[in-house]
Amino acid sequence: MLDLEASGICGTDVHFHDGTLALDPGCIIGHEFVGRVRALGEGVTGDGLGQTLAVGDCCIACIALPCGTCFCCRQGETASCLSFGVTNAAPAAAPPHFHGGYAELLAQPAATLVRVPADVSVAAVAAFACAGPTCIRAFAFAGDLRGDELVVVQGTGPVGLFAVAWAAARGCRVVAIGSGNSPRRLQMAARLGATLVLDYRSVPAAQRQEQVRELAADLGRGNGADVVFEATGAPGALPEGLELLRTLGTYIVPGQYSSSGAVAIRPELITFKALRIIGSGQYKLGDIGTYLAFLRQSADLQQDLAACVTHRYPLAQVNQALADVAAGTCVKAVFVP
């Protein structure tokens, strides 16, 4: 059993709230729970990564339950399990009742917990408890990054902001494209390492493409970005993402997490530019460990990441919190005790 420290509000939760994603009645949503161990089950001494676990330890709770037996799991690709389960699927009426992250208590299998190092800021952890591992897995599927690459990140929500920080920390030149309706997000993108931040509402698509191509030419990277990372959740980002890539570039698409409609793309761009398109929708438990190790190794960055938590709410204000997140008012919002 875990006591709440901070539970993040994800864009996916907004999709559940507005009906874009289906949810069984009676379930408690929330999948970014960071909490402190109140009690351990009999015989439990370690977390899901084999680290010792004791009462009082801070942990990230991972809701993913890969089956372990399907074709993908047998290949070690548990992030693409064909029979995924989640720990918050049971209704609140079912014992032990505390299944979801929008709560002050969470009952969670120890095998799905990852202990947070004592020298890592809880605020930094909570800011990207889902977005961080999501980005790490997506970049890993694509072969990760090299320090000389030009990376364009579409979107400056939590997933996009962590992608900026991850790419910048690897020595990449980063361009972030976001919305001027959320100026603090654009400011945080620059703070986290983007050397060029473009407001898609005021900088037309043709001009954005030209600026990326000019930067690529200046860097000797060819005719566009090496990598474009889609983190908007808006289907309309995809056609532009293909245009922004250089020949032999890679498009990483972890952001399309709900059915938001179709778009027209130019498939010949994929052919003649020999593009790679990589999708990623979930992460492995080990990616949480990688995320926490990154935070621990980036002590100076922790303060900037923690600063992305701009809104804190008691659970009683859940409707206001979801409305603020849906409106883009927050950089990152969390529930706190």
C-alpha atoms as a PDB file:
ATOM      1  CA  MET A   1       0.000   0.000   0.000  1.00  0.00           C
ATOM      2  CA  LEU A   2       1.292   3.442  -0.973  1.00  0.00           C
ATOM      3  CA  ASP A   3       0.469   6.894   0.366  1.00  0.00           C
ATOM      4  CA  LEU A   4       0.129   9.647  -2.221  1.00  0.00           C
ATOM      5  CA  GLU A   5       3.084  11.964  -2.804  1.00  0.00           C
ATOM      6  CA  ALA A   6       2.105  13.216  -6.265  1.00  0.00           C
ATOM      7  CA  SER A   7      -0.133  11.767  -8.973  1.00  0.00           C
ATOM      8  CA  GLY A   8       0.179  13.256 -12.432  1.00  0.00           C
ATOM      9  CA  ILE A   9      -2.682  14.201 -14.719  1.00  0.00           C
ATOM     10  CA  CYS A  10      -1.964  12.847 -18.185  1.00  0.00           C
ATOM     11  CA  GLY A  11      -3.516  13.816 -21.493  1.00  0.00           C
ATOM     12  CA  THR A  12      -4.797  10.252 -21.636  1.00  0.00           C
ATOM     13  CA  ASP A  13      -6.862  10.962 -18.509  1.00  0.00           C
ATOM     14  CA  VAL A  14      -8.475  13.870 -20.347  1.00  0.00           C
ATOM     15  CA  HIS A  15      -9.375  11.451 -23.160  1.00  0.00           C
ATOM     16  CA  PHE A  16     -11.050   9.158 -20.606  1.00  0.00           C
ATOM     17  CA  HIS A  17     -12.871  12.132 -19.127  1.00  0.00           C
ATOM     18  CA  ASP A  18     -14.207  13.376 -22.466  1.00  0.00           C
ATOM     19  CA  GLY A  19     -15.047   9.882 -23.748  1.00  0.00           C
ATOM     20  CA  THR A  20     -12.432   9.718 -26.503  1.00  0.00           C
ATOM     21  CA  LEU A  21     -11.061   6.616 -24.777  1.00  0.00           C
ATOM     22  CA  ALA A  22     -13.371   4.003 -23.272  1.00  0.00           C
ATOM     23  CA  LEU A  23     -13.442   3.399 -19.526  1.00  0.00           C
ATOM     24  CA  ASP A  24     -15.422   0.836 -17.571  1.00  0.00           C
ATOM     25  CA  PRO A  25     -17.783   2.430 -15.031  1.00  0.00           C
ATOM     26  CA  GLY A  26     -16.549   2.418 -11.454  1.00  0.00           C
ATOM     27  CA  CYS A  27     -12.843   2.437 -12.255  1.00  0.00           C
ATOM     28  CA  ILE A  28     -10.454   4.984 -10.793  1.00  0.00           C
ATOM     29  CA  ILE A  29      -8.303   6.607 -13.465  1.00  0.00           C
ATOM     30  CA  GLY A  30      -4.740   7.817 -12.973  1.00  0.00           C
ATOM     31  CA  HIS A  31      -1.512   6.067 -13.931  1.00  0.00           C
ATOM     32  CA  GLU A  32       1.254   8.438 -12.829  1.00  0.00           C
ATOM     33  CA  PHE A  33       1.233   7.672  -9.113  1.00  0.00           C
ATOM     34  CA  VAL A  34       4.306   8.468  -7.055  1.00  0.00           C
ATOM     35  CA  GLY A  35       3.850   7.358  -3.471  1.00  0.00           C
ATOM     36  CA  ARG A  36       5.517   6.279  -0.284  1.00  0.00           C
ATOM     37  CA  VAL A  37       5.263   2.693   0.962  1.00  0.00           C
ATOM     38  CA  ARG A  38       2.891   2.447   3.896  1.00  0.00           C
ATOM     39  CA  ALA A  39       2.848  -1.349   4.137  1.00  0.00           C
ATOM     40  CA  LEU A  40       4.285  -4.333   2.278  1.00  0.00           C
ATOM     41  CA  GLY A  41       2.708  -7.683   1.641  1.00  0.00           C
ATOM     42  CA  GLU A  42       3.986 -10.752   3.421  1.00  0.00           C
ATOM     43  CA  GLY A  43       7.399 -11.768   2.150  1.00  0.00           C
ATOM     44  CA  VAL A  44       7.850  -8.707  -0.088  1.00  0.00           C
ATOM     45  CA  THR A  45      11.404  -7.374   0.059  1.00  0.00           C
ATOM     46  CA  GLY A  46      12.024  -5.914  -3.394  1.00  0.00           C
ATOM     47  CA  ASP A  47      10.531  -3.888  -6.231  1.00  0.00           C
ATOM     48  CA  GLY A  48       9.976  -4.928  -9.828  1.00  0.00           C
ATOM     49  CA  LEU A  49      13.612  -4.322 -10.747  1.00  0.00           C
ATOM     50  CA  GLY A  50      14.999  -6.334  -7.826  1.00  0.00           C
ATOM     51  CA  GLN A  51      15.922  -3.348  -5.684  1.00  0.00           C
ATOM     52  CA  THR A  52      15.331  -3.638  -1.945  1.00  0.00           C
ATOM     53  CA  LEU A  53      12.034  -2.156  -0.837  1.00  0.00           C
ATOM     54  CA  ALA A  54      11.010  -1.058   2.634  1.00  0.00           C
ATOM     55  CA  VAL A  55       8.280   0.877   4.383  1.00  0.00           C
ATOM     56  CA  GLY A  56       8.910   4.599   3.839  1.00  0.00           C
ATOM     57  CA  ASP A  57      10.509   4.217   0.407  1.00  0.00           C
ATOM     58  CA  CYS A  58       9.222   6.405  -2.420  1.00  0.00           C
ATOM     59  CA  CYS A  59       8.169   4.544  -5.577  1.00  0.00           C
ATOM     60  CA  ILE A  60       6.730   5.006  -9.031  1.00  0.00           C
ATOM     61  CA  ALA A  61       3.772   2.697  -9.596  1.00  0.00           C
ATOM     62  CA  CYS A  62       3.603   1.284 -13.132  1.00  0.00           C
ATOM     63  CA  ILE A  63       0.106   0.258 -14.199  1.00  0.00           C
ATOM     64  CA  ALA A  64       1.255  -1.956 -17.089  1.00  0.00           C
ATOM     65  CA  LEU A  65       0.797  -5.715 -16.721  1.00  0.00           C
ATOM     66  CA  PRO A  66       2.289  -7.494 -19.761  1.00  0.00           C
ATOM     67  CA  CYS A  67       1.161 -11.091 -19.978  1.00  0.00           C
ATOM     68  CA  GLY A  68       4.689 -12.520 -20.318  1.00  0.00           C
ATOM     69  CA  THR A  69       3.578 -15.319 -22.637  1.00  0.00           C
ATOM     70  CA  CYS A  70       2.447 -13.772 -25.952  1.00  0.00           C
ATOM     71  CA  PHE A  71       4.655 -13.627 -29.031  1.00  0.00           C
ATOM     72  CA  CYS A  72       5.964 -10.114 -28.279  1.00  0.00           C
ATOM     73  CA  CYS A  73       6.623 -10.818 -24.601  1.00  0.00           C
ATOM     74  CA  ARG A  74       8.579 -13.954 -25.539  1.00  0.00           C
ATOM     75  CA  GLN A  75      10.808 -11.740 -27.694  1.00  0.00           C
ATOM     76  CA  GLY A  76      11.425  -9.478 -24.689  1.00  0.00           C
ATOM     77  CA  GLU A  77       9.198  -6.747 -26.134  1.00  0.00           C
ATOM     78  CA  THR A  78       6.860  -6.468 -23.166  1.00  0.00           C
ATOM     79  CA  ALA A  79       6.043  -2.856 -24.129  1.00  0.00           C
ATOM     80  CA  SER A  80       4.161  -4.305 -27.104  1.00  0.00           C
ATOM     81  CA  CYS A  81       2.382  -7.119 -25.254  1.00  0.00           C
ATOM     82  CA  LEU A  82      -0.541  -8.489 -27.247  1.00  0.00           C
ATOM     83  CA  SER A  83      -2.620  -9.067 -24.097  1.00  0.00           C
ATOM     84  CA  PHE A  84      -1.811  -6.014 -22.001  1.00  0.00           C
ATOM     85  CA  GLY A  85      -3.484  -5.660 -18.641  1.00  0.00           C
ATOM     86  CA  VAL A  86      -3.436  -2.683 -16.293  1.00  0.00           C
ATOM     87  CA  THR A  87      -3.485  -2.532 -12.523  1.00  0.00           C
ATOM     88  CA  ASN A  88      -6.225   0.129 -12.409  1.00  0.00           C
ATOM     89  CA  ALA A  89      -8.787  -1.805 -14.446  1.00  0.00           C
ATOM     90  CA  ALA A  90     -10.714  -3.183 -11.466  1.00  0.00           C
ATOM     91  CA  PRO A  91     -13.666  -1.170 -10.151  1.00  0.00           C
ATOM     92  CA  ALA A  92     -13.249   0.585  -6.825  1.00  0.00           C
ATOM     93  CA  ALA A  93     -15.863  -1.762  -5.335  1.00  0.00           C
ATOM     94  CA  ALA A  94     -13.505  -4.725  -5.795  1.00  0.00           C
ATOM     95  CA  PRO A  95     -11.048  -5.452  -2.946  1.00  0.00           C
ATOM     96  CA  PRO A  96      -8.525  -4.071  -2.127  1.00  0.00           C
ATOM     97  CA  HIS A  97     -10.416  -1.095  -3.646  1.00  0.00           C
ATOM     98  CA  PHE A  98      -7.507   1.346  -4.118  1.00  0.00           C
ATOM     99  CA  HIS A  99      -6.627   0.549  -7.735  1.00  0.00           C
ATOM    100  CA  GLY A 100      -6.209   3.891  -9.519  1.00  0.00           C
ATOM    101  CA  GLY A 101      -3.879   6.845  -9.238  1.00  0.00           C
ATOM    102  CA  TYR A 102      -6.490   9.510  -8.467  1.00  0.00           C
ATOM    103  CA  ALA A 103      -6.542   8.577  -4.811  1.00  0.00           C
ATOM    104  CA  GLU A 104      -4.726   9.163  -1.544  1.00  0.00           C
ATOM    105  CA  LEU A 105      -3.921   5.450  -1.250  1.00  0.00           C
ATOM    106  CA  LEU A 106      -2.889   2.921  -3.890  1.00  0.00           C
ATOM    107  CA  ALA A 107      -2.769  -0.847  -3.543  1.00  0.00           C
ATOM    108  CA  GLN A 108      -0.185  -1.980  -6.079  1.00  0.00           C
ATOM    109  CA  PRO A 109       1.651  -5.247  -6.822  1.00  0.00           C
ATOM    110  CA  ALA A 110       5.270  -4.900  -5.672  1.00  0.00           C
ATOM    111  CA  ALA A 111       6.390  -6.333  -9.014  1.00  0.00           C
ATOM    112  CA  THR A 112       5.111  -3.170 -10.705  1.00  0.00           C
ATOM    113  CA  LEU A 113       6.856  -0.723  -8.347  1.00  0.00           C
ATOM    114  CA  VAL A 114      10.198   0.978  -8.962  1.00  0.00           C
ATOM    115  CA  ARG A 115      11.903   2.559  -5.978  1.00  0.00           C
ATOM    116  CA  VAL A 116      12.915   6.206  -6.359  1.00  0.00           C
ATOM    117  CA  PRO A 117      16.491   6.961  -5.228  1.00  0.00           C
ATOM    118  CA  ALA A 118      16.561   9.065  -2.077  1.00  0.00           C
ATOM    119  CA  ASP A 119      18.624  11.783  -3.762  1.00  0.00           C
ATOM    120  CA  VAL A 120      16.138  12.361  -6.594  1.00  0.00           C
ATOM    121  CA  SER A 121      13.541  15.126  -6.285  1.00  0.00           C
ATOM    122  CA  VAL A 122       9.992  13.798  -5.956  1.00  0.00           C
ATOM    123  CA  ALA A 123       8.737  16.825  -7.906  1.00  0.00           C
ATOM    124  CA  ALA A 124      11.101  16.038 -10.789  1.00  0.00           C
ATOM    125  CA  VAL A 125       9.984  12.397 -10.752  1.00  0.00           C
ATOM    126  CA  ALA A 126       6.293  13.315 -10.727  1.00  0.00           C
ATOM    127  CA  ALA A 127       6.656  15.805 -13.581  1.00  0.00           C
ATOM    128  CA  PHE A 128       7.420  13.066 -16.106  1.00  0.00           C
ATOM    129  CA  ALA A 129       6.567   9.784 -14.367  1.00  0.00           C
ATOM    130  CA  CYS A 130       4.745   8.611 -17.503  1.00  0.00           C
ATOM    131  CA  ALA A 131       6.127  10.961 -20.169  1.00  0.00           C
ATOM    132  CA  GLY A 132       9.755  10.187 -19.307  1.00  0.00           C
ATOM    133  CA  PRO A 133       9.609   6.395 -19.706  1.00  0.00           C
ATOM    134  CA  THR A 134       7.315   6.835 -22.724  1.00  0.00           C
ATOM    135  CA  CYS A 135       9.949   8.948 -24.480  1.00  0.00           C
ATOM    136  CA  ILE A 136      12.809   6.687 -23.437  1.00  0.00           C
ATOM    137  CA  ARG A 137      11.096   3.613 -24.895  1.00  0.00           C
ATOM    138  CA  ALA A 138      10.202   5.432 -28.119  1.00  0.00           C
ATOM    139  CA  PHE A 139      13.764   6.650 -28.631  1.00  0.00           C
ATOM    140  CA  ALA A 140      15.073   3.164 -27.800  1.00  0.00           C
ATOM    141  CA  PHE A 141      12.850   1.588 -30.472  1.00  0.00           C
ATOM    142  CA  ALA A 142      14.354   4.051 -32.938  1.00  0.00           C
ATOM    143  CA  GLY A 143      17.946   3.280 -31.914  1.00  0.00           C
ATOM    144  CA  ASP A 144      18.279   6.268 -29.557  1.00  0.00           C
ATOM    145  CA  LEU A 145      20.185   9.414 -30.528  1.00  0.00           C
ATOM    146  CA  ARG A 146      23.677  10.486 -31.525  1.00  0.00           C
ATOM    147  CA  GLY A 147      25.163  13.716 -30.254  1.00  0.00           C
ATOM    148  CA  ASP A 148      25.483  15.388 -33.644  1.00  0.00           C
ATOM    149  CA  GLU A 149      21.843  14.955 -34.710  1.00  0.00           C
ATOM    150  CA  LEU A 150      19.197  17.563 -35.389  1.00  0.00           C
ATOM    151  CA  VAL A 151      15.984  16.664 -33.564  1.00  0.00           C
ATOM    152  CA  VAL A 152      12.620  18.349 -34.038  1.00  0.00           C
ATOM    153  CA  VAL A 153      10.052  17.831 -31.289  1.00  0.00           C
ATOM    154  CA  GLN A 154       6.436  18.492 -32.275  1.00  0.00           C
ATOM    155  CA  GLY A 155       4.530  19.459 -29.152  1.00  0.00           C
ATOM    156  CA  THR A 156       5.535  21.044 -25.859  1.00  0.00           C
ATOM    157  CA  GLY A 157       3.327  19.148 -23.434  1.00  0.00           C
ATOM    158  CA  PRO A 158       4.984  16.793 -20.915  1.00  0.00           C
ATOM    159  CA  VAL A 159       5.962  14.190 -23.531  1.00  0.00           C
ATOM    160  CA  GLY A 160       7.409  16.841 -25.834  1.00  0.00           C
ATOM    161  CA  LEU A 161       9.236  18.656 -23.035  1.00  0.00           C
ATOM    162  CA  PHE A 162      10.896  15.484 -21.800  1.00  0.00           C
ATOM    163  CA  ALA A 163      11.857  14.589 -25.363  1.00  0.00           C
ATOM    164  CA  VAL A 164      13.542  17.997 -25.601  1.00  0.00           C
ATOM    165  CA  ALA A 165      15.437  17.412 -22.347  1.00  0.00           C
ATOM    166  CA  TRP A 166      16.475  13.874 -23.346  1.00  0.00           C
ATOM    167  CA  ALA A 167      17.720  14.922 -26.785  1.00  0.00           C
ATOM    168  CA  ALA A 168      19.525  18.017 -25.482  1.00  0.00           C
ATOM    169  CA  ALA A 169      21.235  15.961 -22.771  1.00  0.00           C
ATOM    170  CA  ARG A 170      22.634  13.743 -25.527  1.00  0.00           C
ATOM    171  CA  GLY A 171      24.185  16.711 -27.260  1.00  0.00           C
ATOM    172  CA  CYS A 172      21.635  17.028 -30.050  1.00  0.00           C
ATOM    173  CA  ARG A 173      20.525  20.319 -31.546  1.00  0.00           C
ATOM    174  CA  VAL A 174      16.819  20.542 -30.710  1.00  0.00           C
ATOM    175  CA  VAL A 175      13.966  22.457 -32.341  1.00  0.00           C
ATOM    176  CA  ALA A 176      10.671  22.536 -30.442  1.00  0.00           C
ATOM    177  CA  ILE A 177       7.361  23.354 -32.106  1.00  0.00           C
ATOM    178  CA  GLY A 178       4.542  24.284 -29.747  1.00  0.00           C
ATOM    179  CA  SER A 179       1.651  26.634 -29.220  1.00  0.00           C
ATOM    180  CA  GLY A 180       1.861  30.254 -28.170  1.00  0.00           C
ATOM    181  CA  ASN A 181      -1.417  29.691 -26.339  1.00  0.00           C
ATOM    182  CA  SER A 182       0.775  28.079 -23.662  1.00  0.00           C
ATOM    183  CA  PRO A 183       3.753  30.462 -23.500  1.00  0.00           C
ATOM    184  CA  ARG A 184       5.143  28.833 -20.361  1.00  0.00           C
ATOM    185  CA  ARG A 185       5.507  25.568 -22.245  1.00  0.00           C
ATOM    186  CA  LEU A 186       7.498  27.314 -24.958  1.00  0.00           C
ATOM    187  CA  GLN A 187       9.660  28.926 -22.285  1.00  0.00           C
ATOM    188  CA  MET A 188      10.228  25.548 -20.607  1.00  0.00           C
ATOM    189  CA  ALA A 189      11.252  24.012 -23.941  1.00  0.00           C
ATOM    190  CA  ALA A 190      14.018  26.606 -24.215  1.00  0.00           C
ATOM    191  CA  ARG A 191      14.966  26.102 -20.572  1.00  0.00           C
ATOM    192  CA  LEU A 192      15.261  22.345 -21.106  1.00  0.00           C
ATOM    193  CA  GLY A 193      17.583  22.690 -24.087  1.00  0.00           C
ATOM    194  CA  ALA A 194      15.758  23.636 -27.285  1.00  0.00           C
ATOM    195  CA  THR A 195      17.911  26.070 -29.254  1.00  0.00           C
ATOM    196  CA  LEU A 196      15.010  27.063 -31.515  1.00  0.00           C
ATOM    197  CA  VAL A 197      11.390  27.269 -30.307  1.00  0.00           C
ATOM    198  CA  LEU A 198       8.665  27.877 -32.888  1.00  0.00           C
ATOM    199  CA  ASP A 199       5.049  28.811 -32.215  1.00  0.00           C
ATOM    200  CA  TYR A 200       2.989  26.982 -34.810  1.00  0.00           C
ATOM    201  CA  ARG A 201       0.204  29.537 -34.421  1.00  0.00           C
ATOM    202  CA  SER A 202       2.362  32.469 -35.485  1.00  0.00           C
ATOM    203  CA  VAL A 203       5.024  30.806 -37.663  1.00  0.00           C
ATOM    204  CA  PRO A 204       3.438  29.272 -40.797  1.00  0.00           C
ATOM    205  CA  ALA A 205       4.209  25.664 -41.725  1.00  0.00           C
ATOM    206  CA  ALA A 206       6.211  26.647 -44.810  1.00  0.00           C
ATOM    207  CA  GLN A 207       8.355  28.952 -42.709  1.00  0.00           C
ATOM    208  CA  ARG A 208       8.881  26.269 -40.059  1.00  0.00           C
ATOM    209  CA  GLN A 209      10.019  23.835 -42.719  1.00  0.00           C
ATOM    210  CA  GLU A 210      12.378  26.409 -44.206  1.00  0.00           C
ATOM    211  CA  GLN A 211      13.930  27.212 -40.839  1.00  0.00           C
ATOM    212  CA  VAL A 212      14.526  23.528 -40.103  1.00  0.00           C
ATOM    213  CA  ARG A 213      16.079  22.971 -43.535  1.00  0.00           C
ATOM    214  CA  GLU A 214      18.342  26.012 -43.123  1.00  0.00           C
ATOM    215  CA  LEU A 215      19.465  24.806 -39.715  1.00  0.00           C
ATOM    216  CA  ALA A 216      20.112  21.316 -41.097  1.00  0.00           C
ATOM    217  CA  ALA A 217      22.212  22.785 -43.900  1.00  0.00           C
ATOM    218  CA  ASP A 218      24.189  24.918 -41.453  1.00  0.00           C
ATOM    219  CA  LEU A 219      24.885  21.830 -39.350  1.00  0.00           C
ATOM    220  CA  GLY A 220      25.805  19.691 -42.351  1.00  0.00           C
ATOM    221  CA  ARG A 221      22.876  17.349 -41.698  1.00  0.00           C
ATOM    222  CA  GLY A 222      21.423  17.227 -45.207  1.00  0.00           C
ATOM    223  CA  ASN A 223      17.956  18.388 -46.228  1.00  0.00           C
ATOM    224  CA  GLY A 224      16.096  18.260 -42.915  1.00  0.00           C
ATOM    225  CA  ALA A 225      16.015  16.900 -39.390  1.00  0.00           C
ATOM    226  CA  ASP A 226      17.602  13.576 -38.536  1.00  0.00           C
ATOM    227  CA  VAL A 227      14.756  12.789 -36.160  1.00  0.00           C
ATOM    228  CA  VAL A 228      11.263  14.220 -35.728  1.00  0.00           C
ATOM    229  CA  PHE A 229       9.462  13.260 -32.519  1.00  0.00           C
ATOM    230  CA  GLU A 230       5.667  13.599 -32.583  1.00  0.00           C
ATOM    231  CA  ALA A 231       4.271  14.558 -29.163  1.00  0.00           C
ATOM    232  CA  THR A 232       1.209  16.624 -30.011  1.00  0.00           C
ATOM    233  CA  GLY A 233      -1.529  14.015 -30.081  1.00  0.00           C
ATOM    234  CA  ALA A 234      -2.924  15.944 -33.065  1.00  0.00           C
ATOM    235  CA  PRO A 235      -3.154  13.861 -36.268  1.00  0.00           C
ATOM    236  CA  GLY A 236      -2.424  16.966 -38.340  1.00  0.00           C
ATOM    237  CA  ALA A 237       1.144  16.960 -37.047  1.00  0.00           C
ATOM    238  CA  LEU A 238       1.997  13.862 -39.076  1.00  0.00           C
ATOM    239  CA  PRO A 239       2.058  15.338 -42.590  1.00  0.00           C
ATOM    240  CA  GLU A 240       4.345  18.143 -41.424  1.00  0.00           C
ATOM    241  CA  GLY A 241       6.569  15.714 -39.545  1.00  0.00           C
ATOM    242  CA  LEU A 242       7.299  13.831 -42.771  1.00  0.00           C
ATOM    243  CA  GLU A 243       8.126  17.093 -44.533  1.00  0.00           C
ATOM    244  CA  LEU A 244      10.560  18.170 -41.805  1.00  0.00           C
ATOM    245  CA  LEU A 245      12.710  15.040 -42.067  1.00  0.00           C
ATOM    246  CA  ARG A 246      15.877  14.722 -44.087  1.00  0.00           C
ATOM    247  CA  THR A 247      16.390  11.884 -46.509  1.00  0.00           C
ATOM    248  CA  LEU A 248      17.011   8.727 -44.429  1.00  0.00           C
ATOM    249  CA  GLY A 249      15.433  10.437 -41.437  1.00  0.00           C
ATOM    250  CA  THR A 250      13.370   8.837 -38.658  1.00  0.00           C
ATOM    251  CA  TYR A 251       9.874   9.799 -37.534  1.00  0.00           C
ATOM    252  CA  ILE A 252       8.996   8.679 -33.988  1.00  0.00           C
ATOM    253  CA  VAL A 253       5.278   8.628 -33.191  1.00  0.00           C
ATOM    254  CA  PRO A 254       4.378   7.999 -29.519  1.00  0.00           C
ATOM    255  CA  GLY A 255       1.839  10.807 -29.194  1.00  0.00           C
ATOM    256  CA  GLN A 256      -1.234   9.518 -31.062  1.00  0.00           C
ATOM    257  CA  TYR A 257      -2.887   7.792 -28.113  1.00  0.00           C
ATOM    258  CA  SER A 258      -6.536   8.190 -28.996  1.00  0.00           C
ATOM    259  CA  SER A 259      -8.666   7.992 -32.113  1.00  0.00           C
ATOM    260  CA  SER A 260      -8.683  11.630 -33.168  1.00  0.00           C
ATOM    261  CA  GLY A 261      -9.362  11.186 -36.856  1.00  0.00           C
ATOM    262  CA  ALA A 262      -7.492  10.555 -40.087  1.00  0.00           C
ATOM    263  CA  VAL A 263      -5.179  12.769 -42.124  1.00  0.00           C
ATOM    264  CA  ALA A 264      -3.878  12.730 -45.669  1.00  0.00           C
ATOM    265  CA  ILE A 265      -0.149  12.131 -46.076  1.00  0.00           C
ATOM    266  CA  ARG A 266       2.110  11.996 -49.103  1.00  0.00           C
ATOM    267  CA  PRO A 267       3.362   8.384 -49.134  1.00  0.00           C
ATOM    268  CA  GLU A 268       5.915   9.175 -51.850  1.00  0.00           C
ATOM    269  CA  LEU A 269       7.848  11.152 -49.222  1.00  0.00           C
ATOM    270  CA  ILE A 270       8.354   7.912 -47.327  1.00  0.00           C
ATOM    271  CA  THR A 271       9.532   6.208 -50.488  1.00  0.00           C
ATOM    272  CA  PHE A 272      11.813   8.790 -52.050  1.00  0.00           C
ATOM    273  CA  LYS A 273      13.251  10.072 -48.768  1.00  0.00           C
ATOM    274  CA  ALA A 274      13.663   6.477 -47.508  1.00  0.00           C
ATOM    275  CA  LEU A 275      12.099   7.393 -44.182  1.00  0.00           C
ATOM    276  CA  ARG A 276      11.696   5.227 -41.118  1.00  0.00           C
ATOM    277  CA  ILE A 277       8.469   5.607 -39.102  1.00  0.00           C
ATOM    278  CA  ILE A 278       8.564   4.192 -35.575  1.00  0.00           C
ATOM    279  CA  GLY A 279       5.494   3.876 -33.351  1.00  0.00           C
ATOM    280  CA  SER A 280       5.587   3.381 -29.596  1.00  0.00           C
ATOM    281  CA  GLY A 281       2.632   3.265 -27.226  1.00  0.00           C
ATOM    282  CA  GLN A 282       3.872   1.880 -23.915  1.00  0.00           C
ATOM    283  CA  TYR A 283       7.081   1.334 -21.968  1.00  0.00           C
ATOM    284  CA  LYS A 284       8.839  -1.410 -20.050  1.00  0.00           C
ATOM    285  CA  LEU A 285       9.384  -1.431 -16.308  1.00  0.00           C
ATOM    286  CA  GLY A 286      13.099  -1.084 -17.016  1.00  0.00           C
ATOM    287  CA  ASP A 287      12.429   2.210 -18.804  1.00  0.00           C
ATOM    288  CA  ILE A 288      11.289   3.629 -15.469  1.00  0.00           C
ATOM    289  CA  GLY A 289      14.638   2.566 -14.038  1.00  0.00           C
ATOM    290  CA  THR A 290      16.390   4.313 -16.932  1.00  0.00           C
ATOM    291  CA  TYR A 291      14.302   7.420 -16.301  1.00  0.00           C
ATOM    292  CA  LEU A 292      15.228   7.537 -12.622  1.00  0.00           C
ATOM    293  CA  ALA A 293      18.907   6.928 -13.416  1.00  0.00           C
ATOM    294  CA  PHE A 294      18.779   9.830 -15.874  1.00  0.00           C
ATOM    295  CA  LEU A 295      17.344  12.106 -13.202  1.00  0.00           C
ATOM    296  CA  ARG A 296      19.953  10.982 -10.702  1.00  0.00           C
ATOM    297  CA  GLN A 297      22.793  11.612 -13.141  1.00  0.00           C
ATOM    298  CA  SER A 298      21.360  15.018 -14.072  1.00  0.00           C
ATOM    299  CA  ALA A 299      21.279  16.776 -10.714  1.00  0.00           C
ATOM    300  CA  ASP A 300      21.386  20.234 -12.312  1.00  0.00           C
ATOM    301  CA  LEU A 301      18.481  19.325 -14.604  1.00  0.00           C
ATOM    302  CA  GLN A 302      16.243  18.086 -11.788  1.00  0.00           C
ATOM    303  CA  GLN A 303      15.371  21.629 -10.740  1.00  0.00           C
ATOM    304  CA  ASP A 304      14.290  22.536 -14.272  1.00  0.00           C
ATOM    305  CA  LEU A 305      12.244  19.362 -14.615  1.00  0.00           C
ATOM    306  CA  ALA A 306      10.590  19.932 -11.243  1.00  0.00           C
ATOM    307  CA  ALA A 307       9.702  23.470 -12.335  1.00  0.00           C
ATOM    308  CA  CYS A 308       7.452  21.942 -15.008  1.00  0.00           C
ATOM    309  CA  VAL A 309       4.986  21.065 -12.242  1.00  0.00           C
ATOM    310  CA  THR A 310       3.106  24.339 -12.353  1.00  0.00           C
ATOM    311  CA  HIS A 311      -0.218  23.243 -10.841  1.00  0.00           C
ATOM    312  CA  ARG A 312      -0.959  21.180  -7.736  1.00  0.00           C
ATOM    313  CA  TYR A 313      -4.486  20.159  -6.749  1.00  0.00           C
ATOM    314  CA  PRO A 314      -6.149  18.307  -3.906  1.00  0.00           C
ATOM    315  CA  LEU A 315      -8.156  15.365  -5.169  1.00  0.00           C
ATOM    316  CA  ALA A 316     -11.394  17.165  -4.346  1.00  0.00           C
ATOM    317  CA  GLN A 317     -10.629  19.542  -7.224  1.00  0.00           C
ATOM    318  CA  VAL A 318     -10.409  16.779  -9.825  1.00  0.00           C
ATOM    319  CA  ASN A 319     -12.896  18.345 -12.250  1.00  0.00           C
ATOM    320  CA  GLN A 320     -11.126  21.703 -12.170  1.00  0.00           C
ATOM    321  CA  ALA A 321      -7.762  19.988 -12.619  1.00  0.00           C
ATOM    322  CA  LEU A 322      -8.934  18.050 -15.678  1.00  0.00           C
ATOM    323  CA  ALA A 323     -10.489  21.179 -17.165  1.00  0.00           C
ATOM    324  CA  ASP A 324      -7.238  23.121 -16.688  1.00  0.00           C
ATOM    325  CA  VAL A 325      -5.176  20.357 -18.285  1.00  0.00           C
ATOM    326  CA  ALA A 326      -7.593  20.107 -21.217  1.00  0.00           C
ATOM    327  CA  ALA A 327      -7.353  23.881 -21.700  1.00  0.00           C
ATOM    328  CA  GLY A 328      -3.538  23.778 -21.761  1.00  0.00           C
ATOM    329  CA  THR A 329      -3.329  26.068 -18.740  1.00  0.00           C
ATOM    330  CA  CYS A 330      -0.760  23.870 -17.005  1.00  0.00           C
ATOM    331  CA  VAL A 331       2.701  22.774 -17.991  1.00  0.00           C
ATOM    332  CA  LYS A 332       2.240  19.767 -15.712  1.00  0.00           C
ATOM    333  CA  ALA A 333      -0.486  19.251 -13.128  1.00  0.00           C
ATOM    334  CA  VAL A 334      -0.412  16.788 -10.233  1.00  0.00           C
ATOM    335  CA  PHE A 335      -2.615  15.778  -7.344  1.00  0.00           C
ATOM    336  CA  VAL A 336      -1.015  16.087  -3.921  1.00  0.00           C
ATOM    337  CA  PRO A 337      -2.180  15.118  -0.422  1.00  0.00           C
END
